[in-house]
Amino acid sequence: MGGFNLSAMAVRNPAVTLFLIIAILLSGLFAFGKLGRAEDPSFTVKVMTVTAAWPGATAQEMQEQVADRLEKRLQELEYYDRVETTSQPGLVAMKVIFSNAAPPELIPELFYQTRKKLEDEASKLPNACVVRFSTMNTTTYILHSTRWKQGSCRIASWCSWPSRCVRTFCICLG
């Protein structure tokens, strides 16, 4: 066999072989260092979850007295697309989806407006109903609404789940 034998040439010229191995290794390291770091496109999640718990309530009560009120209030939001709601005894889970036309830079403001509207509506919810908000990141907010036995006061707390509540106040409605 009189063809080209790469293995025989590598054994006969070890200096050339070592040089080629080092050159390929260095060029690979150089190319790795020049790789782009932001290869994935940036995107904004335009979904917010809302959970409401009311121990002892039936699924129909949760839908009529909690979910319907919250859904109606959410429809006032700009760039609102839809809400997907699941009601079961003692619990309502809602996924608020904003329109794809919403500019990414406005999403934090939309989440803030959503929380404000839900906080306003939570004061009108039945006794001992707890509403949680989550914006698909690590922070979950809780609004706890309870009516005191004397008077018509409500206690509201904003919590960073699962740590302690960061702000609590009482709203007295005369």
Protein backbone atom coordinates (compact mmCIF):
# COMPACT_ATOMS: atom_id res chain seq x y z
CA MET A 1 0.00 0.00 0.00
CA GLY A 2 1.67 3.10 -1.16
CA GLY A 3 -0.94 5.72 -0.05
CA PHE A 4 -0.61 8.59 2.42
CA ASN A 5 -0.31 7.32 6.02
CA LEU A 6 -1.01 10.09 8.56
CA SER A 7 -0.20 7.89 11.57
CA ALA A 8 3.23 6.96 10.21
CA MET A 9 4.01 10.62 9.49
CA ALA A 10 2.96 11.63 13.05
CA VAL A 11 5.24 8.97 14.55
CA ARG A 12 8.19 9.98 12.33
CA ASN A 13 7.79 13.73 13.09
CA PRO A 14 6.79 14.10 16.78
CA ALA A 15 7.74 17.81 16.87
CA VAL A 16 5.30 18.63 14.05
CA THR A 17 2.59 16.52 15.73
CA LEU A 18 3.08 18.29 19.08
CA PHE A 19 3.07 21.69 17.34
CA LEU A 20 -0.22 20.92 15.57
CA ILE A 21 -1.85 19.67 18.81
CA ILE A 22 -0.81 22.85 20.68
CA ALA A 23 -1.88 25.11 17.77
CA ILE A 24 -5.32 23.48 17.58
CA LEU A 25 -5.72 23.69 21.37
CA LEU A 26 -4.78 27.38 21.46
CA SER A 27 -7.03 28.27 18.53
CA GLY A 28 -9.91 26.45 20.27
CA LEU A 29 -9.33 28.39 23.50
CA PHE A 30 -9.14 31.66 21.57
CA ALA A 31 -12.38 30.88 19.72
CA PHE A 32 -14.11 29.93 22.99
CA GLY A 33 -13.09 33.27 24.51
CA LYS A 34 -14.62 35.13 21.56
CA LEU A 35 -18.02 33.37 21.77
CA GLY A 36 -20.98 35.69 22.21
CA ARG A 37 -22.50 35.72 25.66
CA ALA A 38 -26.02 36.88 24.78
CA GLU A 39 -26.90 34.33 22.14
CA ASP A 40 -30.46 33.83 23.39
CA PRO A 41 -32.97 36.56 22.63
CA SER A 42 -34.36 38.44 25.58
CA PHE A 43 -38.04 37.96 26.26
CA THR A 44 -40.52 39.19 28.81
CA VAL A 45 -43.02 36.90 30.51
CA LYS A 46 -46.41 38.60 30.34
CA VAL A 47 -48.21 36.29 32.75
CA MET A 48 -49.19 36.83 36.38
CA THR A 49 -50.73 34.26 38.70
CA VAL A 50 -53.30 35.09 41.34
CA THR A 51 -54.38 32.60 43.99
CA ALA A 52 -57.18 33.15 46.49
CA ALA A 53 -57.91 30.87 49.43
CA TRP A 54 -61.06 30.88 51.52
CA PRO A 55 -61.16 27.90 53.85
CA GLY A 56 -64.56 26.22 54.02
CA ALA A 57 -66.01 27.79 50.86
CA THR A 58 -67.51 25.67 48.11
CA ALA A 59 -66.26 25.85 44.53
CA GLN A 60 -69.40 27.78 43.51
CA GLU A 61 -68.91 30.31 46.33
CA MET A 62 -65.27 30.74 45.32
CA GLN A 63 -66.31 31.38 41.72
CA GLU A 64 -69.19 33.75 42.45
CA GLN A 65 -67.85 35.69 45.44
CA VAL A 66 -64.12 35.75 44.71
CA ALA A 67 -63.14 34.82 41.13
CA ASP A 68 -65.89 36.76 39.34
CA ARG A 69 -65.12 39.93 41.32
CA LEU A 70 -61.39 39.67 40.68
CA GLU A 71 -61.87 38.86 36.98
CA LYS A 72 -64.18 41.83 36.49
CA ARG A 73 -61.62 44.13 38.12
CA LEU A 74 -58.78 42.70 35.99
CA GLN A 75 -60.66 43.53 32.79
CA GLU A 76 -60.04 47.22 33.52
CA LEU A 77 -56.30 46.78 32.88
CA GLU A 78 -54.60 48.12 29.79
CA TYR A 79 -53.16 45.35 27.54
CA TYR A 80 -55.36 42.76 29.31
CA ASP A 81 -55.75 39.70 27.09
CA ARG A 82 -57.48 37.01 29.14
CA VAL A 83 -57.60 35.24 32.47
CA GLU A 84 -57.71 31.47 32.94
CA THR A 85 -59.49 30.60 36.20
CA THR A 86 -59.82 27.32 38.06
CA SER A 87 -62.20 27.15 41.04
CA GLN A 88 -62.31 24.38 43.58
CA PRO A 89 -63.53 24.18 47.17
CA GLY A 90 -61.63 26.78 49.19
CA LEU A 91 -59.30 27.81 46.35
CA VAL A 92 -59.25 29.86 43.15
CA ALA A 93 -56.23 29.86 40.83
CA MET A 94 -56.07 32.52 38.11
CA LYS A 95 -53.54 33.06 35.36
CA VAL A 96 -53.67 36.66 34.09
CA ILE A 97 -52.27 36.89 30.56
CA PHE A 98 -51.38 40.23 29.01
CA SER A 99 -51.49 40.96 25.31
CA ASN A 100 -48.44 40.32 23.15
CA ALA A 101 -48.78 43.95 22.01
CA ALA A 102 -47.73 45.11 25.50
CA PRO A 103 -44.25 46.65 25.31
CA PRO A 104 -41.74 44.75 27.49
CA GLU A 105 -40.71 47.92 29.31
CA LEU A 106 -44.33 48.42 30.50
CA ILE A 107 -44.74 44.94 32.01
CA PRO A 108 -43.45 45.87 35.52
CA GLU A 109 -45.92 48.78 35.56
CA LEU A 110 -48.74 46.47 34.40
CA PHE A 111 -47.91 44.05 37.23
CA TYR A 112 -47.95 46.95 39.68
CA GLN A 113 -51.33 48.17 38.40
CA THR A 114 -52.67 44.62 38.62
CA ARG A 115 -51.57 44.32 42.25
CA LYS A 116 -53.17 47.70 43.06
CA LYS A 117 -56.50 46.72 41.50
CA LEU A 118 -56.50 43.36 43.26
CA GLU A 119 -55.61 44.99 46.58
CA ASP A 120 -58.55 47.37 46.16
CA GLU A 121 -60.89 44.51 45.37
CA ALA A 122 -59.56 42.26 48.15
CA SER A 123 -60.95 44.61 50.77
CA LYS A 124 -64.44 43.75 49.46
CA LEU A 125 -63.92 39.98 49.50
CA PRO A 126 -65.51 37.70 52.11
CA ASN A 127 -64.00 37.34 55.57
CA ALA A 128 -60.74 35.39 55.91
CA CYS A 129 -60.10 35.29 52.15
CA VAL A 130 -56.38 35.36 51.31
CA VAL A 131 -55.19 36.54 47.86
CA ARG A 132 -51.66 35.80 46.54
CA PHE A 133 -49.97 37.36 43.49
CA SER A 134 -46.98 36.02 41.59
CA THR A 135 -45.27 37.55 38.55
CA MET A 136 -43.38 34.51 37.31
CA ASN A 137 -40.28 35.53 39.19
CA THR A 138 -39.26 34.63 42.70
CA THR A 139 -41.44 37.11 44.57
CA THR A 140 -44.98 36.28 45.57
CA TYR A 141 -47.16 38.87 47.24
CA ILE A 142 -49.93 38.03 49.67
CA LEU A 143 -52.87 40.20 50.58
CA HIS A 144 -54.67 38.90 53.63
CA SER A 145 -58.11 40.25 54.36
CA THR A 146 -59.86 39.53 57.65
CA ARG A 147 -62.79 41.25 59.29
CA TRP A 148 -62.52 41.94 63.00
CA LYS A 149 -65.47 40.91 65.10
CA GLN A 150 -65.94 44.43 66.47
CA GLY A 151 -66.54 47.01 63.78
CA SER A 152 -65.86 46.64 60.11
CA CYS A 153 -62.08 46.76 59.93
CA ARG A 154 -59.95 44.81 57.56
CA ILE A 155 -56.34 43.83 58.06
CA ALA A 156 -54.17 43.82 54.94
CA SER A 157 -50.62 42.47 54.77
CA TRP A 158 -48.11 42.45 51.94
CA CYS A 159 -45.78 39.50 52.23
CA SER A 160 -42.77 38.31 50.32
CA TRP A 161 -43.52 34.61 50.23
CA PRO A 162 -42.37 32.55 52.15
CA SER A 163 -40.69 35.09 54.41
CA ARG A 164 -42.49 37.36 56.89
CA CYS A 165 -45.00 40.05 56.02
CA VAL A 166 -43.30 43.34 55.22
CA ARG A 167 -46.22 45.72 55.78
CA THR A 168 -49.46 45.34 57.67
CA PHE A 169 -52.20 47.91 58.19
CA CYS A 170 -55.85 48.13 59.17
CA ILE A 171 -58.53 49.80 57.09
CA CYS A 172 -61.58 50.81 59.12
CA LEU A 173 -64.70 51.53 57.14
CA GLY A 174 -66.57 53.43 59.83
